[in-house]
Amino acid sequence: SNGDIIVTVEESQGSVQNVMEARARGGDYVFTTPPVLVRLAQGGK
């Protein structure tokens, strides 16, 4: 991006934490997780 996009990598304790933090983070938040965990979160399972 020629420096137009700067990504800061943040350590995590795991995929579940990454999904949980989506509740409070803003539009600058990108996280990694297996899609199945997103499905479980959306279903409250």
PDB file of all heavy atoms in Angstrom:
ATOM      1  N   SER A   1       0.818  -1.217   0.000  1.00  0.00           N
ATOM      2  CA  SER A   1       0.000   0.000   0.000  1.00  0.00           C
ATOM      3  C   SER A   1       0.849   1.264   0.000  1.00  0.00           C
ATOM      4  O   SER A   1       0.318   2.365   0.165  1.00  0.00           O
ATOM      5  CB  SER A   1      -0.914   0.005   1.234  1.00  0.00           C
ATOM      6  OG  SER A   1      -0.154   0.164   2.422  1.00  0.00           O
ATOM      7  N   ASN A   2       2.169   1.095  -0.163  1.00  0.00           N
ATOM      8  CA  ASN A   2       3.095   2.237  -0.110  1.00  0.00           C
ATOM      9  C   ASN A   2       2.985   3.006   1.199  1.00  0.00           C
ATOM     10  O   ASN A   2       3.088   4.236   1.226  1.00  0.00           O
ATOM     11  CB  ASN A   2       2.851   3.182  -1.302  1.00  0.00           C
ATOM     12  CG  ASN A   2       3.179   2.524  -2.628  1.00  0.00           C
ATOM     13  OD1 ASN A   2       4.206   1.861  -2.762  1.00  0.00           O
ATOM     14  ND2 ASN A   2       2.302   2.692  -3.601  1.00  0.00           N
ATOM     15  N   GLY A   3       2.746   2.256   2.270  1.00  0.00           N
ATOM     16  CA  GLY A   3       2.692   2.874   3.585  1.00  0.00           C
ATOM     17  C   GLY A   3       1.366   3.511   3.939  1.00  0.00           C
ATOM     18  O   GLY A   3       1.227   4.095   5.012  1.00  0.00           O
ATOM     19  N   ASP A   4       0.370   3.377   3.057  1.00  0.00           N
ATOM     20  CA  ASP A   4      -0.937   3.976   3.340  1.00  0.00           C
ATOM     21  C   ASP A   4      -1.716   3.185   4.387  1.00  0.00           C
ATOM     22  O   ASP A   4      -2.584   3.726   5.066  1.00  0.00           O
ATOM     23  CB  ASP A   4      -1.773   4.076   2.054  1.00  0.00           C
ATOM     24  CG  ASP A   4      -1.231   5.132   1.099  1.00  0.00           C
ATOM     25  OD1 ASP A   4      -0.496   6.025   1.568  1.00  0.00           O
ATOM     26  OD2 ASP A   4      -1.535   5.049  -0.099  1.00  0.00           O
ATOM     27  N   ILE A   5      -1.418   1.885   4.491  1.00  0.00           N
ATOM     28  CA  ILE A   5      -2.058   1.058   5.514  1.00  0.00           C
ATOM     29  C   ILE A   5      -0.975   0.504   6.435  1.00  0.00           C
ATOM     30  O   ILE A   5      -0.055  -0.178   5.984  1.00  0.00           O
ATOM     31  CB  ILE A   5      -2.854  -0.110   4.892  1.00  0.00           C
ATOM     32  CG1 ILE A   5      -3.887   0.397   3.890  1.00  0.00           C
ATOM     33  CG2 ILE A   5      -3.540  -0.922   5.983  1.00  0.00           C
ATOM     34  CD1 ILE A   5      -4.637  -0.708   3.169  1.00  0.00           C
ATOM     35  N   ILE A   6      -1.077   0.816   7.704  1.00  0.00           N
ATOM     36  CA  ILE A   6      -0.119   0.345   8.701  1.00  0.00           C
ATOM     37  C   ILE A   6      -0.818  -0.647   9.617  1.00  0.00           C
ATOM     38  O   ILE A   6      -1.843  -0.328  10.234  1.00  0.00           O
ATOM     39  CB  ILE A   6       0.449   1.509   9.541  1.00  0.00           C
ATOM     40  CG1 ILE A   6       1.139   2.533   8.625  1.00  0.00           C
ATOM     41  CG2 ILE A   6       1.407   0.983  10.610  1.00  0.00           C
ATOM     42  CD1 ILE A   6       2.325   1.997   7.855  1.00  0.00           C
ATOM     43  N   VAL A   7      -0.290  -1.864   9.674  1.00  0.00           N
ATOM     44  CA  VAL A   7      -0.887  -2.927  10.486  1.00  0.00           C
ATOM     45  C   VAL A   7      -0.023  -3.172  11.717  1.00  0.00           C
ATOM     46  O   VAL A   7       1.181  -3.407  11.604  1.00  0.00           O
ATOM     47  CB  VAL A   7      -1.023  -4.234   9.673  1.00  0.00           C
ATOM     48  CG1 VAL A   7      -1.583  -5.353  10.549  1.00  0.00           C
ATOM     49  CG2 VAL A   7      -1.916  -4.012   8.456  1.00  0.00           C
ATOM     50  N   THR A   8      -0.640  -3.114  12.877  1.00  0.00           N
ATOM     51  CA  THR A   8       0.038  -3.443  14.125  1.00  0.00           C
ATOM     52  C   THR A   8      -0.443  -4.806  14.590  1.00  0.00           C
ATOM     53  O   THR A   8      -1.646  -5.034  14.738  1.00  0.00           O
ATOM     54  CB  THR A   8      -0.273  -2.398  15.219  1.00  0.00           C
ATOM     55  OG1 THR A   8       0.168  -1.104  14.759  1.00  0.00           O
ATOM     56  CG2 THR A   8       0.439  -2.736  16.522  1.00  0.00           C
ATOM     57  N   VAL A   9       0.490  -5.733  14.806  1.00  0.00           N
ATOM     58  CA  VAL A   9       0.141  -7.090  15.223  1.00  0.00           C
ATOM     59  C   VAL A   9       0.040  -7.145  16.747  1.00  0.00           C
ATOM     60  O   VAL A   9       0.926  -6.676  17.458  1.00  0.00           O
ATOM     61  CB  VAL A   9       1.183  -8.109  14.728  1.00  0.00           C
ATOM     62  CG1 VAL A   9       0.778  -9.534  15.122  1.00  0.00           C
ATOM     63  CG2 VAL A   9       1.340  -8.009  13.215  1.00  0.00           C
ATOM     64  N   GLU A  10      -1.051  -7.697  17.208  1.00  0.00           N
ATOM     65  CA  GLU A  10      -1.320  -7.767  18.648  1.00  0.00           C
ATOM     66  C   GLU A  10      -1.376  -9.235  19.082  1.00  0.00           C
ATOM     67  O   GLU A  10      -2.049 -10.045  18.446  1.00  0.00           O
ATOM     68  CB  GLU A  10      -2.656  -7.078  18.934  1.00  0.00           C
ATOM     69  CG  GLU A  10      -2.934  -6.821  20.402  1.00  0.00           C
ATOM     70  CD  GLU A  10      -4.200  -5.980  20.580  1.00  0.00           C
ATOM     71  OE1 GLU A  10      -4.169  -4.776  20.243  1.00  0.00           O
ATOM     72  OE2 GLU A  10      -5.215  -6.547  21.041  1.00  0.00           O
ATOM     73  N   GLU A  11      -0.666  -9.554  20.142  1.00  0.00           N
ATOM     74  CA  GLU A  11      -0.662 -10.935  20.638  1.00  0.00           C
ATOM     75  C   GLU A  11      -2.023 -11.302  21.215  1.00  0.00           C
ATOM     76  O   GLU A  11      -2.746 -10.462  21.738  1.00  0.00           O
ATOM     77  CB  GLU A  11       0.410 -11.102  21.721  1.00  0.00           C
ATOM     78  CG  GLU A  11       0.571 -12.539  22.199  1.00  0.00           C
ATOM     79  CD  GLU A  11       1.685 -12.706  23.207  1.00  0.00           C
ATOM     80  OE1 GLU A  11       2.161 -11.689  23.748  1.00  0.00           O
ATOM     81  OE2 GLU A  11       2.074 -13.858  23.460  1.00  0.00           O
ATOM     82  N   SER A  12      -2.354 -12.583  21.101  1.00  0.00           N
ATOM     83  CA  SER A  12      -3.631 -13.079  21.599  1.00  0.00           C
ATOM     84  C   SER A  12      -3.413 -14.383  22.343  1.00  0.00           C
ATOM     85  O   SER A  12      -2.434 -15.092  22.113  1.00  0.00           O
ATOM     86  CB  SER A  12      -4.589 -13.300  20.422  1.00  0.00           C
ATOM     87  OG  SER A  12      -5.627 -14.183  20.770  1.00  0.00           O
ATOM     88  N   GLN A  13      -4.353 -14.721  23.197  1.00  0.00           N
ATOM     89  CA  GLN A  13      -4.295 -16.003  23.899  1.00  0.00           C
ATOM     90  C   GLN A  13      -5.071 -17.085  23.161  1.00  0.00           C
ATOM     91  O   GLN A  13      -5.120 -18.229  23.596  1.00  0.00           O
ATOM     92  CB  GLN A  13      -4.846 -15.840  25.321  1.00  0.00           C
ATOM     93  CG  GLN A  13      -3.995 -14.938  26.193  1.00  0.00           C
ATOM     94  CD  GLN A  13      -2.527 -15.357  26.216  1.00  0.00           C
ATOM     95  OE1 GLN A  13      -2.210 -16.495  26.538  1.00  0.00           O
ATOM     96  NE2 GLN A  13      -1.640 -14.438  25.876  1.00  0.00           N
ATOM     97  N   GLY A  14      -5.687 -16.718  22.031  1.00  0.00           N
ATOM     98  CA  GLY A  14      -6.389 -17.733  21.265  1.00  0.00           C
ATOM     99  C   GLY A  14      -7.570 -17.196  20.489  1.00  0.00           C
ATOM    100  O   GLY A  14      -7.985 -16.041  20.642  1.00  0.00           O
ATOM    101  N   SER A  15      -8.119 -18.058  19.647  1.00  0.00           N
ATOM    102  CA  SER A  15      -9.183 -17.668  18.720  1.00  0.00           C
ATOM    103  C   SER A  15     -10.466 -17.244  19.417  1.00  0.00           C
ATOM    104  O   SER A  15     -11.176 -16.358  18.945  1.00  0.00           O
ATOM    105  CB  SER A  15      -9.477 -18.821  17.759  1.00  0.00           C
ATOM    106  OG  SER A  15      -8.357 -19.091  16.950  1.00  0.00           O
ATOM    107  N   VAL A  16     -10.787 -17.890  20.544  1.00  0.00           N
ATOM    108  CA  VAL A  16     -12.016 -17.530  21.260  1.00  0.00           C
ATOM    109  C   VAL A  16     -11.925 -16.095  21.753  1.00  0.00           C
ATOM    110  O   VAL A  16     -12.867 -15.307  21.619  1.00  0.00           O
ATOM    111  CB  VAL A  16     -12.276 -18.499  22.436  1.00  0.00           C
ATOM    112  CG1 VAL A  16     -13.466 -18.021  23.266  1.00  0.00           C
ATOM    113  CG2 VAL A  16     -12.530 -19.916  21.923  1.00  0.00           C
ATOM    114  N   GLN A  17     -10.776 -15.731  22.319  1.00  0.00           N
ATOM    115  CA  GLN A  17     -10.572 -14.353  22.778  1.00  0.00           C
ATOM    116  C   GLN A  17     -10.718 -13.374  21.614  1.00  0.00           C
ATOM    117  O   GLN A  17     -11.339 -12.314  21.757  1.00  0.00           O
ATOM    118  CB  GLN A  17      -9.182 -14.188  23.401  1.00  0.00           C
ATOM    119  CG  GLN A  17      -8.901 -12.761  23.879  1.00  0.00           C
ATOM    120  CD  GLN A  17      -7.428 -12.508  24.207  1.00  0.00           C
ATOM    121  OE1 GLN A  17      -6.610 -13.402  24.162  1.00  0.00           O
ATOM    122  NE2 GLN A  17      -7.112 -11.273  24.526  1.00  0.00           N
ATOM    123  N   ASN A  18     -10.162 -13.736  20.464  1.00  0.00           N
ATOM    124  CA  ASN A  18     -10.236 -12.858  19.290  1.00  0.00           C
ATOM    125  C   ASN A  18     -11.688 -12.555  18.915  1.00  0.00           C
ATOM    126  O   ASN A  18     -12.043 -11.411  18.608  1.00  0.00           O
ATOM    127  CB  ASN A  18      -9.539 -13.515  18.100  1.00  0.00           C
ATOM    128  CG  ASN A  18      -8.035 -13.654  18.296  1.00  0.00           C
ATOM    129  OD1 ASN A  18      -7.492 -13.192  19.292  1.00  0.00           O
ATOM    130  ND2 ASN A  18      -7.389 -14.306  17.360  1.00  0.00           N
ATOM    131  N   VAL A  19     -12.518 -13.603  18.928  1.00  0.00           N
ATOM    132  CA  VAL A  19     -13.933 -13.424  18.590  1.00  0.00           C
ATOM    133  C   VAL A  19     -14.634 -12.584  19.651  1.00  0.00           C
ATOM    134  O   VAL A  19     -15.400 -11.667  19.326  1.00  0.00           O
ATOM    135  CB  VAL A  19     -14.637 -14.787  18.439  1.00  0.00           C
ATOM    136  CG1 VAL A  19     -16.128 -14.592  18.169  1.00  0.00           C
ATOM    137  CG2 VAL A  19     -14.006 -15.593  17.309  1.00  0.00           C
ATOM    138  N   MET A  20     -14.377 -12.869  20.913  1.00  0.00           N
ATOM    139  CA  MET A  20     -15.022 -12.140  22.001  1.00  0.00           C
ATOM    140  C   MET A  20     -14.744 -10.641  21.921  1.00  0.00           C
ATOM    141  O   MET A  20     -15.624  -9.822  22.179  1.00  0.00           O
ATOM    142  CB  MET A  20     -14.561 -12.678  23.356  1.00  0.00           C
ATOM    143  CG  MET A  20     -15.039 -14.097  23.674  1.00  0.00           C
ATOM    144  SD  MET A  20     -16.828 -14.240  23.861  1.00  0.00           S
ATOM    145  CE  MET A  20     -17.058 -13.415  25.436  1.00  0.00           C
ATOM    146  N   GLU A  21     -13.523 -10.286  21.521  1.00  0.00           N
ATOM    147  CA  GLU A  21     -13.155  -8.868  21.483  1.00  0.00           C
ATOM    148  C   GLU A  21     -13.835  -8.107  20.355  1.00  0.00           C
ATOM    149  O   GLU A  21     -13.840  -6.873  20.347  1.00  0.00           O
ATOM    150  CB  GLU A  21     -11.631  -8.719  21.407  1.00  0.00           C
ATOM    151  CG  GLU A  21     -10.944  -9.118  22.706  1.00  0.00           C
ATOM    152  CD  GLU A  21      -9.512  -8.627  22.794  1.00  0.00           C
ATOM    153  OE1 GLU A  21      -9.120  -7.747  22.001  1.00  0.00           O
ATOM    154  OE2 GLU A  21      -8.791  -9.122  23.672  1.00  0.00           O
ATOM    155  N   ALA A  22     -14.414  -8.838  19.404  1.00  0.00           N
ATOM    156  CA  ALA A  22     -15.143  -8.177  18.307  1.00  0.00           C
ATOM    157  C   ALA A  22     -16.329  -7.387  18.844  1.00  0.00           C
ATOM    158  O   ALA A  22     -16.832  -6.479  18.181  1.00  0.00           O
ATOM    159  CB  ALA A  22     -15.606  -9.213  17.286  1.00  0.00           C
ATOM    160  N   ARG A  23     -16.779  -7.711  20.068  1.00  0.00           N
ATOM    161  CA  ARG A  23     -17.930  -7.006  20.660  1.00  0.00           C
ATOM    162  C   ARG A  23     -17.605  -5.553  20.966  1.00  0.00           C
ATOM    163  O   ARG A  23     -18.487  -4.690  20.933  1.00  0.00           O
ATOM    164  CB  ARG A  23     -18.371  -7.711  21.944  1.00  0.00           C
ATOM    165  CG  ARG A  23     -18.823  -9.152  21.766  1.00  0.00           C
ATOM    166  CD  ARG A  23     -19.176  -9.795  23.085  1.00  0.00           C
ATOM    167  NE  ARG A  23     -18.048  -9.805  24.008  1.00  0.00           N
ATOM    168  CZ  ARG A  23     -18.096 -10.254  25.259  1.00  0.00           C
ATOM    169  NH1 ARG A  23     -19.234 -10.721  25.747  1.00  0.00           N
ATOM    170  NH2 ARG A  23     -17.017 -10.236  26.017  1.00  0.00           N
ATOM    171  N   ALA A  24     -16.344  -5.292  21.308  1.00  0.00           N
ATOM    172  CA  ALA A  24     -15.992  -3.959  21.800  1.00  0.00           C
ATOM    173  C   ALA A  24     -15.039  -3.178  20.897  1.00  0.00           C
ATOM    174  O   ALA A  24     -14.841  -1.985  21.090  1.00  0.00           O
ATOM    175  CB  ALA A  24     -15.364  -4.084  23.192  1.00  0.00           C
ATOM    176  N   ARG A  25     -14.458  -3.839  19.912  1.00  0.00           N
ATOM    177  CA  ARG A  25     -13.478  -3.171  19.048  1.00  0.00           C
ATOM    178  C   ARG A  25     -14.168  -2.358  17.960  1.00  0.00           C
ATOM    179  O   ARG A  25     -15.333  -2.556  17.639  1.00  0.00           O
ATOM    180  CB  ARG A  25     -12.563  -4.216  18.408  1.00  0.00           C
ATOM    181  CG  ARG A  25     -11.701  -4.994  19.389  1.00  0.00           C
ATOM    182  CD  ARG A  25     -10.597  -4.129  20.002  1.00  0.00           C
ATOM    183  NE  ARG A  25      -9.642  -4.937  20.727  1.00  0.00           N
ATOM    184  CZ  ARG A  25      -8.343  -5.011  20.447  1.00  0.00           C
ATOM    185  NH1 ARG A  25      -7.840  -4.273  19.465  1.00  0.00           N
ATOM    186  NH2 ARG A  25      -7.550  -5.768  21.158  1.00  0.00           N
ATOM    187  N   GLY A  26     -13.374  -1.467  17.359  1.00  0.00           N
ATOM    188  CA  GLY A  26     -13.908  -0.579  16.319  1.00  0.00           C
ATOM    189  C   GLY A  26     -13.613  -1.065  14.921  1.00  0.00           C
ATOM    190  O   GLY A  26     -13.288  -2.238  14.692  1.00  0.00           O
ATOM    191  N   GLY A  27     -13.669  -0.144  13.984  1.00  0.00           N
ATOM    192  CA  GLY A  27     -13.511  -0.470  12.575  1.00  0.00           C
ATOM    193  C   GLY A  27     -12.091  -0.763  12.152  1.00  0.00           C
ATOM    194  O   GLY A  27     -11.852  -1.093  10.990  1.00  0.00           O
ATOM    195  N   ASP A  28     -11.141  -0.641  13.073  1.00  0.00           N
ATOM    196  CA  ASP A  28      -9.742  -0.918  12.743  1.00  0.00           C
ATOM    197  C   ASP A  28      -9.324  -2.322  13.177  1.00  0.00           C
ATOM    198  O   ASP A  28      -8.149  -2.677  13.120  1.00  0.00           O
ATOM    199  CB  ASP A  28      -8.824   0.100  13.415  1.00  0.00           C
ATOM    200  CG  ASP A  28      -8.906   0.049  14.937  1.00  0.00           C
ATOM    201  OD1 ASP A  28      -9.878  -0.515  15.473  1.00  0.00           O
ATOM    202  OD2 ASP A  28      -7.981   0.575  15.596  1.00  0.00           O
ATOM    203  N   TYR A  29     -10.283  -3.140  13.609  1.00  0.00           N
ATOM    204  CA  TYR A  29      -9.969  -4.436  14.202  1.00  0.00           C
ATOM    205  C   TYR A  29     -10.066  -5.565  13.179  1.00  0.00           C
ATOM    206  O   TYR A  29     -11.112  -5.783  12.560  1.00  0.00           O
ATOM    207  CB  TYR A  29     -10.935  -4.711  15.357  1.00  0.00           C
ATOM    208  CG  TYR A  29     -10.686  -5.992  16.129  1.00  0.00           C
ATOM    209  CD1 TYR A  29      -9.440  -6.275  16.676  1.00  0.00           C
ATOM    210  CD2 TYR A  29     -11.712  -6.921  16.321  1.00  0.00           C
ATOM    211  CE1 TYR A  29      -9.221  -7.440  17.412  1.00  0.00           C
ATOM    212  CE2 TYR A  29     -11.511  -8.085  17.060  1.00  0.00           C
ATOM    213  CZ  TYR A  29     -10.260  -8.338  17.598  1.00  0.00           C
ATOM    214  OH  TYR A  29     -10.048  -9.491  18.316  1.00  0.00           O
ATOM    215  N   VAL A  30      -8.954  -6.285  13.021  1.00  0.00           N
ATOM    216  CA  VAL A  30      -8.912  -7.499  12.201  1.00  0.00           C
ATOM    217  C   VAL A  30      -8.416  -8.618  13.103  1.00  0.00           C
ATOM    218  O   VAL A  30      -7.495  -8.425  13.897  1.00  0.00           O
ATOM    219  CB  VAL A  30      -7.973  -7.338  10.989  1.00  0.00           C
ATOM    220  CG1 VAL A  30      -7.816  -8.657  10.235  1.00  0.00           C
ATOM    221  CG2 VAL A  30      -8.494  -6.252  10.053  1.00  0.00           C
ATOM    222  N   PHE A  31      -9.020  -9.794  12.997  1.00  0.00           N
ATOM    223  CA  PHE A  31      -8.612 -10.909  13.853  1.00  0.00           C
ATOM    224  C   PHE A  31      -8.702 -12.215  13.082  1.00  0.00           C
ATOM    225  O   PHE A  31      -9.402 -12.312  12.068  1.00  0.00           O
ATOM    226  CB  PHE A  31      -9.479 -10.975  15.115  1.00  0.00           C
ATOM    227  CG  PHE A  31     -10.934 -11.258  14.854  1.00  0.00           C
ATOM    228  CD1 PHE A  31     -11.450 -12.546  14.961  1.00  0.00           C
ATOM    229  CD2 PHE A  31     -11.808 -10.227  14.502  1.00  0.00           C
ATOM    230  CE1 PHE A  31     -12.799 -12.802  14.717  1.00  0.00           C
ATOM    231  CE2 PHE A  31     -13.158 -10.485  14.268  1.00  0.00           C
ATOM    232  CZ  PHE A  31     -13.655 -11.767  14.372  1.00  0.00           C
ATOM    233  N   THR A  32      -7.990 -13.219  13.567  1.00  0.00           N
ATOM    234  CA  THR A  32      -8.018 -14.523  12.919  1.00  0.00           C
ATOM    235  C   THR A  32      -8.713 -15.543  13.820  1.00  0.00           C
ATOM    236  O   THR A  32      -8.563 -15.516  15.033  1.00  0.00           O
ATOM    237  CB  THR A  32      -6.601 -15.018  12.592  1.00  0.00           C
ATOM    238  OG1 THR A  32      -5.862 -15.200  13.810  1.00  0.00           O
ATOM    239  CG2 THR A  32      -5.875 -14.022  11.715  1.00  0.00           C
ATOM    240  N   THR A  33      -9.452 -16.443  13.172  1.00  0.00           N
ATOM    241  CA  THR A  33     -10.147 -17.503  13.904  1.00  0.00           C
ATOM    242  C   THR A  33     -10.698 -18.505  12.890  1.00  0.00           C
ATOM    243  O   THR A  33     -10.923 -18.147  11.729  1.00  0.00           O
ATOM    244  CB  THR A  33     -11.297 -16.929  14.764  1.00  0.00           C
ATOM    245  OG1 THR A  33     -11.770 -17.917  15.673  1.00  0.00           O
ATOM    246  CG2 THR A  33     -12.438 -16.457  13.908  1.00  0.00           C
ATOM    247  N   PRO A  34     -10.932 -19.742  13.296  1.00  0.00           N
ATOM    248  CA  PRO A  34     -11.642 -20.667  12.412  1.00  0.00           C
ATOM    249  C   PRO A  34     -13.086 -20.197  12.217  1.00  0.00           C
ATOM    250  O   PRO A  34     -13.725 -19.753  13.179  1.00  0.00           O
ATOM    251  CB  PRO A  34     -11.608 -21.994  13.191  1.00  0.00           C
ATOM    252  CG  PRO A  34     -10.445 -21.862  14.129  1.00  0.00           C
ATOM    253  CD  PRO A  34     -10.427 -20.417  14.507  1.00  0.00           C
ATOM    254  N   PRO A  35     -13.630 -20.268  11.010  1.00  0.00           N
ATOM    255  CA  PRO A  35     -15.016 -19.835  10.771  1.00  0.00           C
ATOM    256  C   PRO A  35     -16.039 -20.508  11.678  1.00  0.00           C
ATOM    257  O   PRO A  35     -17.062 -19.911  12.010  1.00  0.00           O
ATOM    258  CB  PRO A  35     -15.243 -20.213   9.301  1.00  0.00           C
ATOM    259  CG  PRO A  35     -13.890 -20.168   8.685  1.00  0.00           C
ATOM    260  CD  PRO A  35     -12.951 -20.651   9.745  1.00  0.00           C
ATOM    261  N   VAL A  36     -15.755 -21.740  12.096  1.00  0.00           N
ATOM    262  CA  VAL A  36     -16.706 -22.452  12.956  1.00  0.00           C
ATOM    263  C   VAL A  36     -16.936 -21.717  14.272  1.00  0.00           C
ATOM    264  O   VAL A  36     -18.044 -21.734  14.825  1.00  0.00           O
ATOM    265  CB  VAL A  36     -16.238 -23.913  13.213  1.00  0.00           C
ATOM    266  CG1 VAL A  36     -14.937 -23.947  14.008  1.00  0.00           C
ATOM    267  CG2 VAL A  36     -17.317 -24.708  13.934  1.00  0.00           C
ATOM    268  N   LEU A  37     -15.905 -21.024  14.779  1.00  0.00           N
ATOM    269  CA  LEU A  37     -16.066 -20.289  16.042  1.00  0.00           C
ATOM    270  C   LEU A  37     -16.971 -19.075  15.858  1.00  0.00           C
ATOM    271  O   LEU A  37     -17.713 -18.708  16.774  1.00  0.00           O
ATOM    272  CB  LEU A  37     -14.709 -19.862  16.601  1.00  0.00           C
ATOM    273  CG  LEU A  37     -13.830 -20.958  17.192  1.00  0.00           C
ATOM    274  CD1 LEU A  37     -12.632 -20.340  17.924  1.00  0.00           C
ATOM    275  CD2 LEU A  37     -14.604 -21.860  18.141  1.00  0.00           C
ATOM    276  N   VAL A  38     -16.901 -18.443  14.705  1.00  0.00           N
ATOM    277  CA  VAL A  38     -17.797 -17.315  14.426  1.00  0.00           C
ATOM    278  C   VAL A  38     -19.240 -17.817  14.392  1.00  0.00           C
ATOM    279  O   VAL A  38     -20.145 -17.183  14.948  1.00  0.00           O
ATOM    280  CB  VAL A  38     -17.430 -16.639  13.084  1.00  0.00           C
ATOM    281  CG1 VAL A  38     -18.469 -15.578  12.718  1.00  0.00           C
ATOM    282  CG2 VAL A  38     -16.048 -16.010  13.172  1.00  0.00           C
ATOM    283  N   ARG A  39     -19.437 -18.972  13.768  1.00  0.00           N
ATOM    284  CA  ARG A  39     -20.778 -19.551  13.705  1.00  0.00           C
ATOM    285  C   ARG A  39     -21.302 -19.886  15.112  1.00  0.00           C
ATOM    286  O   ARG A  39     -22.466 -19.638  15.427  1.00  0.00           O
ATOM    287  CB  ARG A  39     -20.756 -20.805  12.827  1.00  0.00           C
ATOM    288  CG  ARG A  39     -22.150 -21.319  12.455  1.00  0.00           C
ATOM    289  CD  ARG A  39     -22.111 -22.275  11.282  1.00  0.00           C
ATOM    290  NE  ARG A  39     -21.431 -23.523  11.590  1.00  0.00           N
ATOM    291  CZ  ARG A  39     -20.278 -23.902  11.057  1.00  0.00           C
ATOM    292  NH1 ARG A  39     -19.675 -23.115  10.176  1.00  0.00           N
ATOM    293  NH2 ARG A  39     -19.723 -25.049  11.362  1.00  0.00           N
ATOM    294  N   LEU A  40     -20.449 -20.437  15.953  1.00  0.00           N
ATOM    295  CA  LEU A  40     -20.848 -20.762  17.328  1.00  0.00           C
ATOM    296  C   LEU A  40     -21.167 -19.495  18.118  1.00  0.00           C
ATOM    297  O   LEU A  40     -22.128 -19.457  18.898  1.00  0.00           O
ATOM    298  CB  LEU A  40     -19.735 -21.550  18.031  1.00  0.00           C
ATOM    299  CG  LEU A  40     -19.507 -22.989  17.543  1.00  0.00           C
ATOM    300  CD1 LEU A  40     -18.268 -23.578  18.207  1.00  0.00           C
ATOM    301  CD2 LEU A  40     -20.723 -23.863  17.819  1.00  0.00           C
ATOM    302  N   ALA A  41     -20.364 -18.443  17.919  1.00  0.00           N
ATOM    303  CA  ALA A  41     -20.599 -17.175  18.631  1.00  0.00           C
ATOM    304  C   ALA A  41     -21.939 -16.582  18.218  1.00  0.00           C
ATOM    305  O   ALA A  41     -22.713 -16.103  19.058  1.00  0.00           O
ATOM    306  CB  ALA A  41     -19.461 -16.193  18.339  1.00  0.00           C
ATOM    307  N   GLN A  42     -22.214 -16.609  16.919  1.00  0.00           N
ATOM    308  CA  GLN A  42     -23.465 -16.030  16.423  1.00  0.00           C
ATOM    309  C   GLN A  42     -24.681 -16.828  16.879  1.00  0.00           C
ATOM    310  O   GLN A  42     -25.771 -16.289  16.999  1.00  0.00           O
ATOM    311  CB  GLN A  42     -23.405 -15.942  14.898  1.00  0.00           C
ATOM    312  CG  GLN A  42     -22.395 -14.894  14.423  1.00  0.00           C
ATOM    313  CD  GLN A  42     -22.169 -14.902  12.924  1.00  0.00           C
ATOM    314  OE1 GLN A  42     -22.475 -15.870  12.230  1.00  0.00           O
ATOM    315  NE2 GLN A  42     -21.613 -13.809  12.405  1.00  0.00           N
ATOM    316  N   GLY A  43     -24.447 -18.117  17.188  1.00  0.00           N
ATOM    317  CA  GLY A  43     -25.552 -18.949  17.674  1.00  0.00           C
ATOM    318  C   GLY A  43     -25.589 -19.060  19.184  1.00  0.00           C
ATOM    319  O   GLY A  43     -26.502 -19.698  19.737  1.00  0.00           O
ATOM    320  N   GLY A  44     -24.609 -18.442  19.876  1.00  0.00           N
ATOM    321  CA  GLY A  44     -24.551 -18.517  21.338  1.00  0.00           C
ATOM    322  C   GLY A  44     -24.361 -19.939  21.847  1.00  0.00           C
ATOM    323  O   GLY A  44     -24.912 -20.320  22.877  1.00  0.00           O
ATOM    324  N   LYS A  45     -23.552 -20.718  21.135  1.00  0.00           N
ATOM    325  CA  LYS A  45     -23.376 -22.127  21.477  1.00  0.00           C
ATOM    326  C   LYS A  45     -21.974 -22.422  21.998  1.00  0.00           C
ATOM    327  O   LYS A  45     -21.067 -21.615  21.861  1.00  0.00           O
ATOM    328  CB  LYS A  45     -23.657 -23.006  20.248  1.00  0.00           C
ATOM    329  CG  LYS A  45     -25.086 -22.902  19.722  1.00  0.00           C
ATOM    330  CD  LYS A  45     -25.273 -23.739  18.471  1.00  0.00           C
ATOM    331  CE  LYS A  45     -26.698 -23.640  17.943  1.00  0.00           C
ATOM    332  NZ  LYS A  45     -26.878 -24.413  16.685  1.00  0.00           N
TER     333      LYS A  45
END
